[in-house]
Amino acid sequence: MRKLIESTHVSLGGEVGSPQEWAFPYLNEEHNDYAKGLLFTADALLLGRVTYEGLSAAYPSMTAGETGAPNDFIDRMNSIPKYVASTTLRETTWNATVIDGEVASFVADLKKQPGGNIIKYGNGALDATLMEHGLIDEFHLVLAPVAVGRGKHLFEGIDAAPALNLADVTRFSNGVVLLVYTPA
């Protein structure tokens, strides 16, 4: 069975809604190695509408020299199939498909198919559904050493989050800490 892994940038204040404003200074070579290693274990992405819209606006026109991301990472992001959970989006680009029907059933079926991991970037409304149905196998929280209190916060609006076990901790030289949690 495939694993669903959520990877989310989070500030010390718990903010996840605007990493483009504070995370970029912390995206060093260690982070690139982590991100590339994670992405290359996967053969599908699961995205909420907001994350999809942001990534699909940026990645198709990216080149490695502009972003610091290696070419093979950008190529993989652009080519891997993407599944988007949205009640408002009707059409997609960027090798993406809008999930038709009930999201939890779709994701449960996707996890049963043969293949690599499924990566979910970002943290938002989709998480409530996925957590309620026990569909997330690992949470990768990329904790940046910046205190941002305003904005959207980690697991905002989720009433009954499951207990989590700390499975791994990785310290990057720039103060970023990668925390990996699994459901208890």
Protein backbone atom coordinates (compact mmCIF):
# COMPACT_ATOMS: atom_id res chain seq x y z
CA MET A 1 0.00 0.00 0.00
CA ARG A 2 1.24 3.46 -0.89
CA LYS A 3 1.95 6.03 1.82
CA LEU A 4 0.44 9.50 1.85
CA ILE A 5 3.04 11.95 3.16
CA GLU A 6 2.22 15.56 3.94
CA SER A 7 5.15 17.98 3.73
CA THR A 8 4.48 21.45 5.12
CA HIS A 9 6.63 24.49 5.87
CA VAL A 10 5.72 25.96 9.25
CA SER A 11 7.04 28.94 11.21
CA LEU A 12 7.79 28.85 14.94
CA GLY A 13 4.49 30.66 15.42
CA GLY A 14 2.66 27.84 13.62
CA GLU A 15 1.99 29.88 10.46
CA VAL A 16 1.64 27.85 7.24
CA GLY A 17 -0.37 30.11 4.95
CA SER A 18 2.38 32.32 3.53
CA PRO A 19 5.69 30.42 3.37
CA GLN A 20 6.58 32.40 0.24
CA GLU A 21 7.03 35.38 2.59
CA TRP A 22 9.38 33.77 5.14
CA ALA A 23 10.61 30.28 4.09
CA PHE A 24 12.83 31.13 1.09
CA PRO A 25 15.88 32.20 3.13
CA TYR A 26 15.90 28.70 4.67
CA LEU A 27 15.75 26.71 1.43
CA ASN A 28 19.41 25.74 1.36
CA GLU A 29 21.21 22.72 -0.09
CA GLU A 30 20.20 20.53 2.87
CA HIS A 31 16.56 21.41 2.28
CA ASN A 32 16.92 20.78 -1.45
CA ASP A 33 18.37 17.33 -0.72
CA TYR A 34 15.48 16.53 1.62
CA ALA A 35 12.84 17.83 -0.81
CA LYS A 36 14.37 15.99 -3.76
CA GLY A 37 14.68 12.75 -1.80
CA LEU A 38 11.05 12.95 -0.73
CA LEU A 39 9.73 13.86 -4.18
CA PHE A 40 11.61 11.05 -5.88
CA THR A 41 9.95 8.47 -3.59
CA ALA A 42 6.60 9.55 -5.02
CA ASP A 43 4.77 9.06 -8.27
CA ALA A 44 1.78 11.31 -7.49
CA LEU A 45 0.94 14.57 -5.73
CA LEU A 46 -2.25 15.32 -3.81
CA LEU A 47 -3.00 19.03 -3.55
CA GLY A 48 -5.70 21.30 -2.26
CA ARG A 49 -6.91 24.04 -4.59
CA VAL A 50 -4.87 26.87 -3.05
CA THR A 51 -1.62 24.90 -3.11
CA TYR A 52 -2.33 23.68 -6.64
CA GLU A 53 -3.00 27.21 -7.89
CA GLY A 54 0.24 28.52 -6.38
CA LEU A 55 2.45 25.69 -7.58
CA SER A 56 0.88 25.43 -11.04
CA ALA A 57 1.42 29.15 -11.58
CA ALA A 58 5.12 28.86 -10.69
CA TYR A 59 6.58 25.50 -11.71
CA PRO A 60 5.84 25.27 -15.45
CA SER A 61 7.94 28.38 -16.12
CA MET A 62 10.75 27.64 -13.64
CA THR A 63 14.36 27.07 -14.54
CA ALA A 64 16.91 25.72 -12.08
CA GLY A 65 19.13 28.79 -11.98
CA GLU A 66 16.32 31.12 -10.93
CA THR A 67 15.04 29.19 -7.92
CA GLY A 68 17.99 27.25 -6.61
CA ALA A 69 16.04 24.05 -7.22
CA PRO A 70 17.84 21.43 -9.31
CA ASN A 71 16.59 20.74 -12.84
CA ASP A 72 15.64 17.16 -12.02
CA PHE A 73 13.45 18.37 -9.12
CA ILE A 74 11.67 20.88 -11.37
CA ASP A 75 11.28 18.28 -14.13
CA ARG A 76 9.82 15.79 -11.64
CA MET A 77 7.39 18.37 -10.20
CA ASN A 78 6.21 19.24 -13.68
CA SER A 79 5.81 15.67 -14.93
CA ILE A 80 4.36 13.80 -11.95
CA PRO A 81 0.55 13.31 -11.96
CA LYS A 82 -1.34 15.60 -9.62
CA TYR A 83 -4.74 15.11 -8.01
CA VAL A 84 -6.51 18.26 -6.83
CA ALA A 85 -9.24 18.35 -4.19
CA SER A 86 -11.55 21.25 -4.96
CA THR A 87 -15.24 22.01 -4.98
CA THR A 88 -14.82 25.07 -7.20
CA LEU A 89 -12.07 24.23 -9.68
CA ARG A 90 -13.34 22.68 -12.91
CA GLU A 91 -10.33 22.70 -15.23
CA THR A 92 -6.66 22.11 -14.59
CA THR A 93 -3.32 22.24 -16.35
CA TRP A 94 0.11 21.03 -15.21
CA ASN A 95 -0.67 17.31 -15.54
CA ALA A 96 -3.42 17.63 -12.91
CA THR A 97 -6.87 16.13 -12.47
CA VAL A 98 -9.64 17.48 -10.25
CA ILE A 99 -10.90 14.74 -7.94
CA ASP A 100 -14.43 13.86 -8.95
CA GLY A 101 -16.63 12.70 -6.09
CA GLU A 102 -15.83 12.02 -2.47
CA VAL A 103 -12.21 12.90 -1.68
CA ALA A 104 -11.66 10.39 1.14
CA SER A 105 -12.82 7.46 -1.01
CA PHE A 106 -10.71 8.63 -3.94
CA VAL A 107 -7.57 8.96 -1.78
CA ALA A 108 -8.18 5.60 -0.06
CA ASP A 109 -8.48 3.95 -3.48
CA LEU A 110 -5.39 5.80 -4.77
CA LYS A 111 -3.37 4.52 -1.80
CA LYS A 112 -4.38 0.93 -2.64
CA GLN A 113 -3.03 1.18 -6.20
CA PRO A 114 0.52 0.00 -6.88
CA GLY A 115 3.18 2.69 -7.01
CA GLY A 116 5.31 5.01 -4.98
CA ASN A 117 4.37 7.43 -2.25
CA ILE A 118 1.81 10.17 -2.67
CA ILE A 119 3.07 13.58 -1.54
CA LYS A 120 0.73 16.26 -0.26
CA TYR A 121 2.24 19.72 -0.01
CA GLY A 122 0.69 22.35 2.22
CA ASN A 123 -1.74 22.30 5.11
CA GLY A 124 -5.33 23.41 4.76
CA ALA A 125 -8.96 22.43 4.56
CA LEU A 126 -8.17 19.13 2.82
CA ASP A 127 -6.35 17.97 5.95
CA ALA A 128 -9.57 17.79 7.98
CA THR A 129 -10.99 15.19 5.59
CA LEU A 130 -7.75 13.24 5.31
CA MET A 131 -7.19 13.21 9.08
CA GLU A 132 -10.80 12.30 9.86
CA HIS A 133 -10.40 9.20 7.69
CA GLY A 134 -6.88 8.31 8.89
CA LEU A 135 -5.39 8.69 5.41
CA ILE A 136 -2.16 10.58 6.19
CA ASP A 137 0.68 8.18 7.01
CA GLU A 138 3.40 10.75 7.76
CA PHE A 139 3.53 14.46 8.52
CA HIS A 140 6.80 16.15 7.55
CA LEU A 141 6.86 19.53 9.26
CA VAL A 142 9.71 21.74 8.02
CA LEU A 143 10.02 24.12 10.99
CA ALA A 144 11.73 27.40 10.06
CA PRO A 145 13.38 29.45 12.82
CA VAL A 146 11.25 32.51 12.20
CA ALA A 147 8.47 33.73 14.48
CA VAL A 148 5.36 34.47 12.41
CA GLY A 149 2.18 34.73 14.45
CA ARG A 150 -0.27 36.17 11.95
CA GLY A 151 -1.92 34.25 9.14
CA LYS A 152 -3.17 30.72 8.66
CA HIS A 153 -1.95 28.26 11.27
CA LEU A 154 -1.07 24.59 11.23
CA PHE A 155 -4.18 22.38 11.43
CA GLU A 156 -6.41 25.44 11.71
CA GLY A 157 -10.06 24.46 11.94
CA ILE A 158 -9.37 20.80 12.70
CA ASP A 159 -11.33 19.83 15.80
CA ALA A 160 -10.22 16.30 16.59
CA ALA A 161 -6.67 15.69 15.43
CA PRO A 162 -5.31 12.21 16.07
CA ALA A 163 -2.44 11.69 18.47
CA LEU A 164 0.92 11.63 16.69
CA ASN A 165 4.23 9.93 17.42
CA LEU A 166 7.53 11.65 16.69
CA ALA A 167 9.24 9.31 14.22
CA ASP A 168 12.31 11.33 13.20
CA VAL A 169 14.08 14.65 13.70
CA THR A 170 16.64 16.19 11.34
CA ARG A 171 18.48 19.43 12.12
CA PHE A 172 19.70 21.54 9.24
CA SER A 173 22.72 23.77 9.69
CA ASN A 174 20.63 26.94 9.21
CA GLY A 175 18.37 26.21 12.19
CA VAL A 176 15.54 24.49 10.29
CA VAL A 177 14.26 21.35 11.98
CA LEU A 178 12.47 18.62 10.03
CA LEU A 179 9.98 16.86 12.30
CA VAL A 180 8.43 13.62 11.03
CA TYR A 181 5.28 12.42 12.80
CA THR A 182 3.17 9.32 12.26
CA PRO A 183 -0.32 8.61 13.62
CA ALA A 184 -0.18 6.99 17.08
